[in-house]
Amino acid sequence: MLTRKELKKYSRQIIISGFGKIGQEKLKKATVFIAGAGGLGSSCSMYLAAAGVGNIKICDCDKTELSNLNRQILHGESKVGINKAVSAKITLAKINQNVNIETIEEKITEKNICRLVGNSQVIVDCTDNFPTRFILNKCSKIKKIPLVHGSVCGLEGRLTFIKIPETPCLKCIFPTSPPKEIFPVLGATPGVIGCLQAMETIKYIVGLSENMKGRFLIFDGKNMNFSETQVVKNPKCPVCGKKSNLNNCSKKNPKLERRY
């Protein structure tokens, strides 16, 4: 049940058509796993906490560095050298004291991911590398829960909502990992995409409108526009296809092949 304070605090979203008290109670009971407390994880986690998501698991094994601070607004100069998940909890607790924040300082691996995700209802991909994203993708299938994928580069960002078997999985969209590199990023770019990840997560939990199933949103900050493309399942995908054979994964989504 919602307290009087919560009813007042969340009143402006409760009055959204289709949201209501029931939707707010769903958020309060929900558990969300956020992989990464960097640029995407900063804005995403802050808006999930502000919205009243009751339980947030935030996972990051890295420590805050000075070069992170142009985009990772969960942190600050006083937190340089502190683990990012721990730093995130300090910030999120100030935003909403009623949210339970669980910090996870482990590196995500094939062996530990299902344990780390636990009873979460949604996985939010706020990572910055494809090997980890592919691990999250597999966990999403195993646990039969959605994966909200976001990525950024420079002034451009991308977003999709993955729910196997209803949608293509991440491996269908990106059969191989792009080369590892230090990519440019303007801080506002992950701010935009992280906010949209939070919105897709909240919509799913509350049951508010349709998520971006089978659609890939592209944000172009340079020209300030949004576009989207349809993504298709690969019947030979090693994760969600009929056969588990990585060498047979050949069908691609040509518009999405560069970077990310």
Protein backbone atom coordinates (compact mmCIF):
# COMPACT_ATOMS: atom_id res chain seq x y z
CA MET A 1 0.00 0.00 0.00
CA LEU A 2 1.10 3.54 -0.66
CA THR A 3 1.57 5.93 2.23
CA ARG A 4 0.08 9.42 2.27
CA LYS A 5 3.53 10.82 1.65
CA GLU A 6 4.01 8.57 -1.37
CA LEU A 7 0.61 9.48 -2.79
CA LYS A 8 1.60 13.13 -2.61
CA LYS A 9 5.15 12.58 -3.86
CA TYR A 10 4.09 10.64 -6.95
CA SER A 11 0.80 12.46 -7.53
CA ARG A 12 1.78 13.94 -10.90
CA GLN A 13 2.53 10.53 -12.42
CA ILE A 14 -0.35 8.77 -10.69
CA ILE A 15 -2.78 11.00 -12.59
CA ILE A 16 -1.37 9.89 -15.95
CA SER A 17 -4.05 7.98 -17.85
CA GLY A 18 -3.53 4.26 -17.33
CA PHE A 19 -1.03 4.77 -14.48
CA GLY A 20 -3.00 5.34 -11.28
CA LYS A 21 -2.37 4.07 -7.76
CA ILE A 22 -2.15 0.50 -9.03
CA GLY A 23 0.71 1.43 -11.34
CA GLN A 24 2.55 3.18 -8.53
CA GLU A 25 2.12 0.13 -6.30
CA LYS A 26 3.60 -2.03 -9.07
CA LEU A 27 6.65 0.25 -9.16
CA LYS A 28 7.00 0.07 -5.39
CA LYS A 29 7.04 -3.74 -5.48
CA ALA A 30 9.34 -3.97 -8.51
CA THR A 31 13.00 -4.94 -8.64
CA VAL A 32 15.20 -3.65 -11.49
CA PHE A 33 18.74 -4.74 -12.29
CA ILE A 34 20.90 -1.96 -13.73
CA ALA A 35 24.15 -3.12 -15.33
CA GLY A 36 26.55 -0.19 -15.18
CA ALA A 37 26.66 2.98 -13.12
CA GLY A 38 28.26 5.15 -15.78
CA GLY A 39 26.71 7.66 -18.17
CA LEU A 40 23.60 5.68 -19.08
CA GLY A 41 23.27 4.24 -15.59
CA SER A 42 23.42 7.71 -14.05
CA SER A 43 20.34 9.23 -15.65
CA CYS A 44 18.46 5.92 -15.83
CA SER A 45 18.90 5.05 -12.15
CA MET A 46 18.12 8.57 -10.97
CA TYR A 47 14.79 8.65 -12.79
CA LEU A 48 13.88 5.12 -11.71
CA ALA A 49 14.56 6.09 -8.10
CA ALA A 50 12.65 9.35 -8.46
CA ALA A 51 9.68 7.46 -9.95
CA GLY A 52 9.52 5.18 -6.91
CA VAL A 53 10.88 1.85 -8.16
CA GLY A 54 11.06 0.02 -4.85
CA ASN A 55 14.19 -2.06 -5.37
CA ILE A 56 17.15 -1.19 -7.56
CA LYS A 57 20.15 -3.47 -7.98
CA ILE A 58 23.02 -1.48 -9.47
CA CYS A 59 26.12 -3.36 -10.59
CA ASP A 60 29.53 -1.91 -11.44
CA CYS A 61 33.00 -3.18 -10.53
CA ASP A 62 34.87 -0.03 -11.58
CA LYS A 63 35.96 2.98 -9.56
CA THR A 64 35.06 6.54 -10.50
CA GLU A 65 37.73 8.37 -12.51
CA LEU A 66 38.06 12.06 -13.27
CA SER A 67 37.49 11.42 -16.99
CA ASN A 68 34.04 9.94 -16.18
CA LEU A 69 32.60 13.10 -14.73
CA ASN A 70 31.50 14.87 -17.93
CA ARG A 71 28.66 12.33 -18.23
CA GLN A 72 28.40 10.21 -15.08
CA ILE A 73 26.31 12.56 -12.97
CA LEU A 74 25.75 10.02 -10.21
CA HIS A 75 29.26 10.87 -9.09
CA GLY A 76 31.40 13.94 -8.54
CA GLU A 77 34.99 14.97 -7.85
CA SER A 78 34.65 14.01 -4.19
CA LYS A 79 33.87 10.42 -5.26
CA VAL A 80 36.87 9.85 -7.51
CA GLY A 81 38.40 6.52 -6.48
CA ILE A 82 35.16 5.18 -4.98
CA ASN A 83 33.37 2.20 -6.51
CA LYS A 84 30.67 3.44 -8.86
CA ALA A 85 27.89 1.26 -7.43
CA VAL A 86 28.66 2.48 -3.93
CA SER A 87 28.79 6.07 -5.13
CA ALA A 88 25.48 5.55 -6.93
CA LYS A 89 23.78 4.37 -3.76
CA ILE A 90 24.83 7.53 -1.92
CA THR A 91 23.33 9.73 -4.64
CA LEU A 92 20.16 7.69 -5.15
CA ALA A 93 19.44 7.57 -1.43
CA LYS A 94 19.35 11.37 -1.44
CA ILE A 95 16.86 11.34 -4.31
CA ASN A 96 14.50 8.84 -2.67
CA GLN A 97 15.03 7.44 0.82
CA ASN A 98 12.21 4.93 0.35
CA VAL A 99 13.98 3.04 -2.44
CA ASN A 100 16.05 0.00 -1.50
CA ILE A 101 19.39 0.24 -3.33
CA GLU A 102 21.50 -2.91 -3.54
CA THR A 103 25.08 -2.34 -4.62
CA ILE A 104 26.95 -5.05 -6.52
CA GLU A 105 30.70 -4.53 -6.97
CA GLU A 106 31.30 -7.68 -9.01
CA LYS A 107 32.33 -7.93 -12.64
CA ILE A 108 29.50 -9.42 -14.72
CA THR A 109 30.40 -12.86 -16.11
CA GLU A 110 28.60 -15.80 -17.71
CA LYS A 111 28.87 -17.66 -14.39
CA ASN A 112 27.50 -15.04 -12.01
CA ILE A 113 24.96 -13.06 -14.04
CA CYS A 114 21.86 -15.11 -13.19
CA ARG A 115 22.71 -14.94 -9.49
CA LEU A 116 23.32 -11.18 -9.66
CA VAL A 117 20.06 -10.48 -11.49
CA GLY A 118 18.18 -12.67 -9.00
CA ASN A 119 14.47 -11.87 -8.79
CA SER A 120 14.64 -8.72 -10.91
CA GLN A 121 11.77 -8.11 -13.34
CA VAL A 122 13.83 -6.12 -15.84
CA ILE A 123 17.49 -5.91 -16.87
CA VAL A 124 18.66 -2.47 -17.99
CA ASP A 125 21.78 -2.52 -20.15
CA CYS A 126 23.79 0.56 -19.22
CA THR A 127 27.14 -1.00 -20.06
CA ASP A 128 29.72 0.22 -22.55
CA ASN A 129 30.92 -3.01 -24.18
CA PHE A 130 29.38 -5.81 -26.21
CA PRO A 131 30.85 -8.84 -24.43
CA THR A 132 28.96 -7.79 -21.29
CA ARG A 133 25.85 -6.88 -23.29
CA PHE A 134 25.79 -10.35 -24.83
CA ILE A 135 25.96 -11.88 -21.35
CA LEU A 136 22.98 -9.77 -20.29
CA ASN A 137 21.18 -10.83 -23.47
CA LYS A 138 21.57 -14.53 -22.62
CA CYS A 139 20.41 -13.94 -19.05
CA SER A 140 17.36 -12.14 -20.39
CA LYS A 141 16.41 -15.26 -22.32
CA ILE A 142 17.15 -17.68 -19.47
CA LYS A 143 15.11 -15.71 -16.95
CA LYS A 144 12.42 -14.73 -19.47
CA ILE A 145 12.59 -11.06 -18.52
CA PRO A 146 13.09 -7.99 -20.75
CA LEU A 147 16.39 -6.34 -21.57
CA VAL A 148 16.28 -2.56 -22.11
CA HIS A 149 19.30 -1.87 -24.30
CA GLY A 150 20.91 1.54 -24.68
CA SER A 151 24.17 2.66 -26.27
CA VAL A 152 25.89 5.94 -27.14
CA CYS A 153 28.74 7.33 -29.21
CA GLY A 154 29.53 11.01 -29.54
CA LEU A 155 26.22 12.84 -30.05
CA GLU A 156 24.35 9.72 -31.14
CA GLY A 157 22.44 7.18 -29.07
CA ARG A 158 20.35 4.07 -29.60
CA LEU A 159 17.61 2.26 -27.76
CA THR A 160 15.56 -0.92 -28.04
CA PHE A 161 13.38 -3.14 -25.87
CA ILE A 162 14.19 -6.85 -26.07
CA LYS A 163 11.79 -9.52 -24.85
CA ILE A 164 12.58 -12.97 -26.17
CA PRO A 165 10.80 -14.67 -27.97
CA GLU A 166 8.53 -11.73 -28.85
CA THR A 167 11.40 -9.69 -30.28
CA PRO A 168 14.80 -10.20 -31.87
CA CYS A 169 17.51 -10.54 -29.25
CA LEU A 170 20.65 -8.40 -29.14
CA LYS A 171 22.65 -11.10 -30.92
CA CYS A 172 20.16 -10.98 -33.80
CA ILE A 173 20.73 -7.24 -34.13
CA PHE A 174 24.50 -7.32 -33.60
CA PRO A 175 25.91 -10.75 -34.59
CA THR A 176 29.46 -9.71 -33.66
CA SER A 177 31.09 -7.24 -31.31
CA PRO A 178 32.48 -4.02 -32.81
CA PRO A 179 36.20 -3.47 -32.16
CA LYS A 180 36.96 -2.33 -28.63
CA GLU A 181 37.89 1.35 -28.54
CA ILE A 182 37.73 4.50 -26.45
CA PHE A 183 34.70 6.17 -28.01
CA PRO A 184 33.82 9.87 -27.79
CA VAL A 185 30.77 10.96 -25.84
CA LEU A 186 29.08 14.22 -24.92
CA GLY A 187 27.55 13.90 -21.47
CA ALA A 188 24.06 14.93 -22.56
CA THR A 189 23.86 11.97 -24.98
CA PRO A 190 23.72 9.21 -22.34
CA GLY A 191 21.48 11.58 -20.40
CA VAL A 192 18.90 11.39 -23.20
CA ILE A 193 19.18 7.63 -23.77
CA GLY A 194 19.33 6.80 -20.06
CA CYS A 195 16.11 8.73 -19.49
CA LEU A 196 14.45 6.81 -22.32
CA GLN A 197 15.66 3.53 -20.81
CA ALA A 198 14.02 4.54 -17.53
CA MET A 199 10.80 5.35 -19.39
CA GLU A 200 10.71 1.99 -21.18
CA THR A 201 11.37 0.22 -17.87
CA ILE A 202 8.60 2.08 -16.05
CA LYS A 203 6.15 1.52 -18.92
CA TYR A 204 6.83 -2.24 -18.77
CA ILE A 205 6.41 -2.51 -15.00
CA VAL A 206 3.26 -0.42 -14.89
CA GLY A 207 1.79 -1.90 -18.08
CA LEU A 208 1.54 1.54 -19.62
CA SER A 209 1.34 1.59 -23.43
CA GLU A 210 3.55 -0.49 -25.74
CA ASN A 211 7.29 -0.91 -25.43
CA MET A 212 9.73 -0.65 -28.36
CA LYS A 213 9.45 -4.29 -29.39
CA GLY A 214 11.11 -4.98 -32.73
CA ARG A 215 12.04 -1.32 -33.16
CA PHE A 216 15.42 0.37 -32.86
CA LEU A 217 15.38 4.07 -31.98
CA ILE A 218 18.27 6.25 -33.14
CA PHE A 219 18.90 9.66 -31.59
CA ASP A 220 21.00 12.08 -33.65
CA GLY A 221 22.04 14.89 -31.33
CA LYS A 222 24.06 16.67 -34.01
CA ASN A 223 21.01 17.27 -36.20
CA MET A 224 18.59 16.95 -33.28
CA ASN A 225 16.25 14.31 -34.61
CA PHE A 226 14.98 10.84 -33.85
CA SER A 227 14.55 8.03 -36.35
CA GLU A 228 13.89 4.34 -36.07
CA THR A 229 14.34 1.14 -37.98
CA GLN A 230 12.69 -2.25 -37.67
CA VAL A 231 14.87 -5.11 -36.47
CA VAL A 232 14.31 -8.73 -37.46
CA LYS A 233 14.86 -12.10 -35.86
CA ASN A 234 17.66 -14.27 -37.11
CA PRO A 235 16.33 -17.85 -37.26
CA LYS A 236 19.93 -19.06 -36.93
CA CYS A 237 20.75 -16.86 -33.94
CA PRO A 238 22.86 -18.79 -31.40
CA VAL A 239 20.88 -17.27 -28.51
CA CYS A 240 17.23 -17.18 -29.58
CA GLY A 241 17.22 -19.15 -32.85
CA LYS A 242 16.23 -22.77 -33.39
CA LYS A 243 19.85 -23.94 -33.44
CA SER A 244 22.66 -22.99 -31.06
CA ASN A 245 25.44 -22.64 -33.61
CA LEU A 246 27.41 -19.38 -33.50
CA ASN A 247 28.93 -20.00 -36.93
CA ASN A 248 25.48 -20.04 -38.53
CA CYS A 249 24.63 -16.53 -37.33
CA SER A 250 24.72 -14.64 -40.63
CA LYS A 251 21.51 -12.64 -41.05
CA LYS A 252 22.18 -9.00 -40.23
CA ASN A 253 20.39 -5.71 -39.79
CA PRO A 254 22.46 -3.61 -42.24
CA LYS A 255 21.47 -0.19 -40.92
CA LEU A 256 22.95 -0.99 -37.49
CA GLU A 257 26.34 -2.36 -38.37
CA ARG A 258 28.64 0.52 -37.50
CA ARG A 259 30.02 1.25 -34.03
CA TYR A 260 28.16 0.60 -30.83
